[in-house]
Amino acid sequence: MTNISLKLAETITSNGIKAVYGEPVVIDGTTIVPVAAIQYGFGAGSSGEGDDAAPGVAGGAGGGGGGVSIPFGAYVSDERGVRFRPNLITLLAVGIPFLWVAGHAWSRVIRALKK
């Protein structure tokens, strides 16, 4: 089981930068390169012969994994130059909680300075 996990992790890390920056796409003379944040997680387990094995129970093994990709936006190259175009939904999903926490912290700082 461990060998499979190591092979899978090695395969994904060897594709690292290709996963973050997608393949360039050319549409009507404009080149678009998508950008995303990626995160993977893998696990494996085993219960068999040894101190933790239950008496009379056959050994077992298991494993799993998962991943997530968050699209941040794209680099766009055209006659006006290269610029980054953010994904507005991701920007709002990250920005709203950040602004709430920052505002809450700022109000506590102001309250502490008034005392």
N, C-alpha and C. Protein backbone atom coordinates (compact mmCIF):
# COMPACT_ATOMS: atom_id res chain seq x y z
N MET A 1 0.83 -1.21 0.00
CA MET A 1 0.00 0.00 0.00
C MET A 1 0.87 1.26 0.00
N THR A 2 1.96 1.23 0.74
CA THR A 2 2.81 2.41 0.83
C THR A 2 3.42 2.74 -0.53
N ASN A 3 3.80 1.75 -1.29
CA ASN A 3 4.40 1.99 -2.60
C ASN A 3 3.43 2.70 -3.53
N ILE A 4 2.15 2.34 -3.48
CA ILE A 4 1.15 3.01 -4.32
C ILE A 4 1.03 4.47 -3.92
N SER A 5 1.00 4.73 -2.62
CA SER A 5 0.90 6.11 -2.14
C SER A 5 2.09 6.93 -2.58
N LEU A 6 3.28 6.37 -2.47
CA LEU A 6 4.48 7.10 -2.87
C LEU A 6 4.50 7.36 -4.37
N LYS A 7 4.09 6.38 -5.16
CA LYS A 7 4.04 6.58 -6.61
C LYS A 7 3.06 7.68 -6.98
N LEU A 8 1.90 7.68 -6.35
CA LEU A 8 0.88 8.69 -6.64
C LEU A 8 1.37 10.08 -6.25
N ALA A 9 1.96 10.20 -5.07
CA ALA A 9 2.48 11.49 -4.63
C ALA A 9 3.60 11.98 -5.55
N GLU A 10 4.46 11.06 -5.99
CA GLU A 10 5.55 11.43 -6.89
C GLU A 10 5.02 11.91 -8.25
N THR A 11 3.99 11.24 -8.74
CA THR A 11 3.39 11.63 -10.02
C THR A 11 2.79 13.02 -9.94
N ILE A 12 2.10 13.31 -8.86
CA ILE A 12 1.46 14.62 -8.73
C ILE A 12 2.49 15.72 -8.54
N THR A 13 3.51 15.49 -7.73
CA THR A 13 4.51 16.54 -7.52
C THR A 13 5.32 16.80 -8.79
N SER A 14 5.48 15.79 -9.64
CA SER A 14 6.22 16.03 -10.88
C SER A 14 5.41 16.89 -11.86
N ASN A 15 4.10 16.95 -11.70
CA ASN A 15 3.24 17.79 -12.54
C ASN A 15 2.90 19.11 -11.88
N GLY A 16 3.55 19.47 -10.79
CA GLY A 16 3.20 20.61 -9.96
C GLY A 16 2.90 21.90 -10.68
N ILE A 17 3.87 22.46 -11.39
CA ILE A 17 3.67 23.77 -12.01
C ILE A 17 2.66 23.70 -13.14
N LYS A 18 2.55 22.57 -13.81
CA LYS A 18 1.56 22.41 -14.87
C LYS A 18 0.15 22.44 -14.30
N ALA A 19 -0.01 22.02 -13.06
CA ALA A 19 -1.34 22.02 -12.44
C ALA A 19 -1.75 23.42 -11.99
N VAL A 20 -0.78 24.23 -11.57
CA VAL A 20 -1.09 25.58 -11.09
C VAL A 20 -1.35 26.53 -12.26
N TYR A 21 -0.49 26.49 -13.26
CA TYR A 21 -0.66 27.29 -14.46
C TYR A 21 -1.10 26.35 -15.58
N GLY A 22 -2.32 26.53 -16.06
CA GLY A 22 -2.84 25.65 -17.10
C GLY A 22 -2.17 25.88 -18.43
N GLU A 23 -2.51 25.06 -19.37
CA GLU A 23 -1.97 25.18 -20.72
C GLU A 23 -2.50 26.46 -21.37
N PRO A 24 -1.65 27.22 -22.05
CA PRO A 24 -2.12 28.43 -22.73
C PRO A 24 -3.15 28.10 -23.81
N VAL A 25 -4.16 28.96 -23.89
CA VAL A 25 -5.22 28.82 -24.89
C VAL A 25 -5.23 30.10 -25.71
N VAL A 26 -5.24 29.97 -27.04
CA VAL A 26 -5.27 31.14 -27.92
C VAL A 26 -6.66 31.24 -28.54
N ILE A 27 -7.30 32.39 -28.29
CA ILE A 27 -8.64 32.66 -28.84
C ILE A 27 -8.61 34.02 -29.51
N ASP A 28 -8.82 34.06 -30.82
CA ASP A 28 -8.84 35.30 -31.60
C ASP A 28 -7.62 36.18 -31.33
N GLY A 29 -6.43 35.59 -31.29
CA GLY A 29 -5.21 36.36 -31.10
C GLY A 29 -4.91 36.72 -29.66
N THR A 30 -5.73 36.31 -28.72
CA THR A 30 -5.52 36.56 -27.30
C THR A 30 -5.10 35.26 -26.63
N THR A 31 -3.98 35.30 -25.92
CA THR A 31 -3.50 34.12 -25.21
C THR A 31 -3.96 34.19 -23.76
N ILE A 32 -4.56 33.11 -23.28
CA ILE A 32 -5.08 33.03 -21.92
C ILE A 32 -4.39 31.88 -21.20
N VAL A 33 -3.81 32.17 -20.02
CA VAL A 33 -3.17 31.13 -19.20
C VAL A 33 -3.91 31.09 -17.86
N PRO A 34 -4.71 30.04 -17.59
CA PRO A 34 -5.44 29.95 -16.33
C PRO A 34 -4.51 29.71 -15.14
N VAL A 35 -4.87 30.28 -13.98
CA VAL A 35 -4.08 30.15 -12.75
C VAL A 35 -5.00 29.65 -11.65
N ALA A 36 -4.54 28.64 -10.91
CA ALA A 36 -5.34 28.08 -9.82
C ALA A 36 -4.42 27.65 -8.68
N ALA A 37 -4.97 27.58 -7.49
CA ALA A 37 -4.26 27.00 -6.35
C ALA A 37 -4.75 25.57 -6.20
N ILE A 38 -3.83 24.68 -5.98
CA ILE A 38 -4.21 23.28 -5.85
C ILE A 38 -3.70 22.72 -4.53
N GLN A 39 -4.43 21.74 -4.01
CA GLN A 39 -4.02 21.07 -2.78
C GLN A 39 -4.48 19.62 -2.86
N TYR A 40 -3.58 18.73 -2.52
CA TYR A 40 -3.89 17.31 -2.53
C TYR A 40 -3.64 16.73 -1.15
N GLY A 41 -4.33 15.66 -0.84
CA GLY A 41 -4.10 14.94 0.40
C GLY A 41 -4.30 13.45 0.17
N PHE A 42 -3.42 12.66 0.75
CA PHE A 42 -3.50 11.21 0.59
C PHE A 42 -3.27 10.55 1.93
N GLY A 43 -3.80 9.38 2.09
CA GLY A 43 -3.59 8.63 3.31
C GLY A 43 -3.69 7.14 3.04
N ALA A 44 -3.07 6.39 3.89
CA ALA A 44 -3.13 4.94 3.78
C ALA A 44 -3.09 4.37 5.18
N GLY A 45 -3.67 3.21 5.34
CA GLY A 45 -3.69 2.58 6.65
C GLY A 45 -3.59 1.08 6.51
N SER A 46 -3.22 0.45 7.58
CA SER A 46 -3.09 -1.00 7.55
C SER A 46 -3.29 -1.53 8.96
N SER A 47 -3.94 -2.63 9.05
CA SER A 47 -4.09 -3.32 10.32
C SER A 47 -3.91 -4.80 10.03
N GLY A 48 -2.93 -5.37 10.60
CA GLY A 48 -2.66 -6.77 10.31
C GLY A 48 -1.92 -7.40 11.45
N GLU A 49 -0.93 -8.12 11.12
CA GLU A 49 -0.12 -8.80 12.12
C GLU A 49 0.61 -7.75 12.95
N GLY A 50 0.61 -7.88 14.22
CA GLY A 50 1.35 -6.96 15.07
C GLY A 50 0.65 -6.74 16.39
N ASP A 51 1.11 -5.73 17.12
CA ASP A 51 0.59 -5.46 18.46
C ASP A 51 -0.84 -4.95 18.42
N ASP A 52 -1.22 -4.19 17.37
CA ASP A 52 -2.55 -3.58 17.34
C ASP A 52 -3.61 -4.48 16.70
N ALA A 53 -3.24 -5.66 16.26
CA ALA A 53 -4.19 -6.56 15.60
C ALA A 53 -5.10 -7.21 16.63
N ALA A 54 -6.37 -7.29 16.30
CA ALA A 54 -7.33 -7.96 17.18
C ALA A 54 -7.17 -9.47 17.01
N PRO A 55 -7.32 -10.23 18.08
CA PRO A 55 -7.17 -11.68 17.96
C PRO A 55 -8.26 -12.29 17.09
N GLY A 56 -7.87 -13.15 16.16
CA GLY A 56 -8.82 -13.85 15.31
C GLY A 56 -9.38 -13.03 14.17
N VAL A 57 -8.88 -11.81 13.94
CA VAL A 57 -9.38 -10.96 12.87
C VAL A 57 -8.30 -10.87 11.78
N ALA A 58 -8.71 -11.08 10.55
CA ALA A 58 -7.76 -11.02 9.44
C ALA A 58 -7.28 -9.59 9.24
N GLY A 59 -6.07 -9.45 8.71
CA GLY A 59 -5.49 -8.12 8.47
C GLY A 59 -6.22 -7.38 7.36
N GLY A 60 -6.00 -6.10 7.30
CA GLY A 60 -6.65 -5.29 6.29
C GLY A 60 -5.77 -4.12 5.90
N ALA A 61 -6.20 -3.41 4.91
CA ALA A 61 -5.47 -2.23 4.45
C ALA A 61 -6.47 -1.28 3.82
N GLY A 62 -6.10 -0.03 3.72
CA GLY A 62 -7.00 0.94 3.11
C GLY A 62 -6.23 2.18 2.72
N GLY A 63 -6.84 2.96 1.92
CA GLY A 63 -6.20 4.20 1.50
C GLY A 63 -7.21 5.11 0.82
N GLY A 64 -6.83 6.34 0.66
CA GLY A 64 -7.72 7.28 0.01
C GLY A 64 -6.99 8.57 -0.28
N GLY A 65 -7.64 9.40 -0.98
CA GLY A 65 -7.04 10.67 -1.32
C GLY A 65 -8.07 11.63 -1.88
N GLY A 66 -7.67 12.85 -1.99
CA GLY A 66 -8.57 13.85 -2.53
C GLY A 66 -7.80 15.10 -2.89
N GLY A 67 -8.47 15.99 -3.54
CA GLY A 67 -7.81 17.23 -3.93
C GLY A 67 -8.82 18.32 -4.19
N VAL A 68 -8.32 19.53 -4.23
CA VAL A 68 -9.17 20.68 -4.50
C VAL A 68 -8.38 21.66 -5.38
N SER A 69 -9.08 22.32 -6.25
CA SER A 69 -8.48 23.32 -7.12
C SER A 69 -9.32 24.59 -7.02
N ILE A 70 -8.68 25.70 -6.70
CA ILE A 70 -9.39 26.98 -6.57
C ILE A 70 -8.91 27.91 -7.68
N PRO A 71 -9.78 28.24 -8.64
CA PRO A 71 -9.36 29.09 -9.75
C PRO A 71 -9.22 30.56 -9.31
N PHE A 72 -8.01 31.10 -9.43
CA PHE A 72 -7.77 32.49 -9.05
C PHE A 72 -8.01 33.46 -10.18
N GLY A 73 -7.83 33.02 -11.41
CA GLY A 73 -8.01 33.91 -12.54
C GLY A 73 -7.18 33.44 -13.72
N ALA A 74 -6.77 34.39 -14.56
CA ALA A 74 -5.99 34.03 -15.74
C ALA A 74 -5.10 35.20 -16.15
N TYR A 75 -3.95 34.85 -16.72
CA TYR A 75 -3.12 35.85 -17.37
C TYR A 75 -3.59 35.97 -18.80
N VAL A 76 -3.83 37.21 -19.24
CA VAL A 76 -4.34 37.46 -20.57
C VAL A 76 -3.30 38.29 -21.32
N SER A 77 -2.91 37.81 -22.49
CA SER A 77 -1.93 38.51 -23.31
C SER A 77 -2.58 38.86 -24.65
N ASP A 78 -2.64 40.16 -24.94
CA ASP A 78 -3.18 40.62 -26.22
C ASP A 78 -2.38 41.83 -26.68
N GLU A 79 -2.92 42.60 -27.61
CA GLU A 79 -2.19 43.75 -28.14
C GLU A 79 -1.95 44.84 -27.09
N ARG A 80 -2.71 44.85 -26.00
CA ARG A 80 -2.52 45.85 -24.94
C ARG A 80 -1.49 45.41 -23.90
N GLY A 81 -0.96 44.18 -24.01
CA GLY A 81 0.05 43.69 -23.07
C GLY A 81 -0.47 42.50 -22.28
N VAL A 82 0.30 42.14 -21.26
CA VAL A 82 -0.06 41.02 -20.39
C VAL A 82 -0.62 41.57 -19.08
N ARG A 83 -1.74 41.02 -18.65
CA ARG A 83 -2.34 41.45 -17.38
C ARG A 83 -3.03 40.27 -16.73
N PHE A 84 -3.22 40.36 -15.42
CA PHE A 84 -3.89 39.31 -14.68
C PHE A 84 -5.35 39.70 -14.50
N ARG A 85 -6.26 38.80 -14.86
CA ARG A 85 -7.69 39.02 -14.69
C ARG A 85 -8.19 38.09 -13.60
N PRO A 86 -8.54 38.61 -12.41
CA PRO A 86 -8.95 37.73 -11.31
C PRO A 86 -10.33 37.13 -11.53
N ASN A 87 -10.55 35.99 -10.92
CA ASN A 87 -11.86 35.35 -10.88
C ASN A 87 -12.65 36.07 -9.79
N LEU A 88 -13.69 36.79 -10.16
CA LEU A 88 -14.42 37.62 -9.20
C LEU A 88 -15.11 36.81 -8.11
N ILE A 89 -15.59 35.62 -8.44
CA ILE A 89 -16.26 34.79 -7.43
C ILE A 89 -15.26 34.37 -6.36
N THR A 90 -14.07 33.94 -6.77
CA THR A 90 -13.04 33.57 -5.80
C THR A 90 -12.61 34.79 -4.99
N LEU A 91 -12.47 35.92 -5.65
CA LEU A 91 -12.08 37.15 -4.97
C LEU A 91 -13.10 37.52 -3.89
N LEU A 92 -14.38 37.40 -4.19
CA LEU A 92 -15.42 37.69 -3.20
C LEU A 92 -15.43 36.65 -2.08
N ALA A 93 -15.24 35.38 -2.44
CA ALA A 93 -15.26 34.32 -1.43
C ALA A 93 -14.12 34.49 -0.43
N VAL A 94 -13.00 35.02 -0.87
CA VAL A 94 -11.87 35.25 0.03
C VAL A 94 -11.96 36.63 0.66
N GLY A 95 -12.38 37.61 -0.10
CA GLY A 95 -12.37 39.00 0.36
C GLY A 95 -13.39 39.33 1.43
N ILE A 96 -14.60 38.80 1.32
CA ILE A 96 -15.65 39.14 2.29
C ILE A 96 -15.28 38.67 3.69
N PRO A 97 -14.88 37.40 3.90
CA PRO A 97 -14.48 37.02 5.26
C PRO A 97 -13.25 37.78 5.76
N PHE A 98 -12.31 38.07 4.86
CA PHE A 98 -11.13 38.84 5.25
C PHE A 98 -11.52 40.23 5.73
N LEU A 99 -12.39 40.90 5.00
CA LEU A 99 -12.83 42.24 5.40
C LEU A 99 -13.60 42.22 6.71
N TRP A 100 -14.40 41.17 6.93
CA TRP A 100 -15.14 41.05 8.19
C TRP A 100 -14.18 40.92 9.35
N VAL A 101 -13.18 40.04 9.23
CA VAL A 101 -12.21 39.84 10.31
C VAL A 101 -11.38 41.10 10.52
N ALA A 102 -10.95 41.74 9.44
CA ALA A 102 -10.16 42.96 9.57
C ALA A 102 -10.97 44.08 10.23
N GLY A 103 -12.24 44.22 9.85
CA GLY A 103 -13.09 45.23 10.47
C GLY A 103 -13.34 44.95 11.94
N HIS A 104 -13.54 43.69 12.27
CA HIS A 104 -13.75 43.30 13.67
C HIS A 104 -12.50 43.60 14.50
N ALA A 105 -11.33 43.26 13.97
CA ALA A 105 -10.07 43.52 14.67
C ALA A 105 -9.83 45.02 14.81
N TRP A 106 -10.12 45.77 13.75
CA TRP A 106 -9.91 47.22 13.79
C TRP A 106 -10.82 47.88 14.83
N SER A 107 -12.07 47.41 14.95
CA SER A 107 -12.97 47.97 15.96
C SER A 107 -12.45 47.69 17.37
N ARG A 108 -11.85 46.53 17.59
CA ARG A 108 -11.28 46.23 18.91
C ARG A 108 -10.06 47.11 19.20
N VAL A 109 -9.26 47.38 18.18
CA VAL A 109 -8.10 48.26 18.37
C VAL A 109 -8.57 49.66 18.73
N ILE A 110 -9.55 50.16 18.03
CA ILE A 110 -10.08 51.51 18.31
C ILE A 110 -10.67 51.55 19.73
N ARG A 111 -11.41 50.52 20.10
CA ARG A 111 -12.01 50.46 21.43
C ARG A 111 -10.93 50.44 22.50
N ALA A 112 -9.83 49.72 22.27
CA ALA A 112 -8.74 49.65 23.24
C ALA A 112 -8.00 50.99 23.33
N LEU A 113 -7.88 51.71 22.22
CA LEU A 113 -7.20 53.01 22.25
C LEU A 113 -8.04 54.08 22.93
N LYS A 114 -9.36 53.94 22.93
CA LYS A 114 -10.23 54.92 23.59
C LYS A 114 -10.14 54.85 25.11
N LYS A 115 -9.77 53.68 25.64
CA LYS A 115 -9.74 53.52 27.11
C LYS A 115 -8.57 54.21 27.71
